[in-house]
């Protein structure tokens, strides 16, 4: 598949952030990643497509996404007909807000948002409109105490809005999500190690001393997803990695990741990703930049 472009952002050791505004007729930058946090705003982008990790989404007129460090991403033209795309990209160093600051109570919303941004975050229209004018104003101001203060206020208001959803799966992005229950962690560890095999609910329930029905309720309460959905997410995350980084056939990938039929794999993959495995692989092929 080739290598992704590794972007070196123009942020100095003493810079708080780097901001760039572009008016352009099309999206043409390749799939890339970098070691900084990126807040990317786009308008006039209807029918364009955003790829973040193993997530692919069709865009409306506006898009705002927060992408964590070293997570591959790209905005591609797809079926966008607009010739007046407006894009504002804000890049922030990973240590912009050190742990000693993020640990404070008043920073909790931003801390939680940054943790979720490790797999990418997309904001809803209500959140976008809350910060729309301030993002545009930030472009016009020089980096100073007050512009940095404005950026933090934007991040805070986005965080407290709660109007966002995560993008890439944690298994594709190799991000460990914190677990507060030892029994849930035990189940997840087993599933992560045995996702290629048949996993029966009876075996899982025996592991933690619960009936299958009690386990199903317990898992749903603690993770907000069913056991079968979690198993499918793990398998699809690993399958997405192989679709991007290997030359294995889709059938080989399906069986390698624990699916017993190719039709079952195609159906579950499309339910989770909203595109077929072939469409997912083709999207990455079009955006890979050889170095």
Foldseek 3Di string as FASTA:
>chain_A
DFAFAEDDDPADPPDFKDKDKDWFQFFDAFWYFYAWKKWKKKALQAQKWKDWQLAIDGDHRIWIKIAHHPIIMGIHNHPRRGGTMIMMMMTGHPVSPPPVRCVDPLNVLLVVVNLLNPQMKIFDPVLCVVCVVVSVVLVVDDDDPVSSVSVVVNSSSRSVVPRMDGGGQCLLSVRDDDADDPLLVVLVVVLLVQQLEDDDLCVSCVVVVHHSVVVQVVNCVRPVDGPVVVSLSNLLSQLLNCLAPHPDDLQVSCNRRHHPGSVVNQVSNCVVRVDGSVVSSVVNVVRGDHD
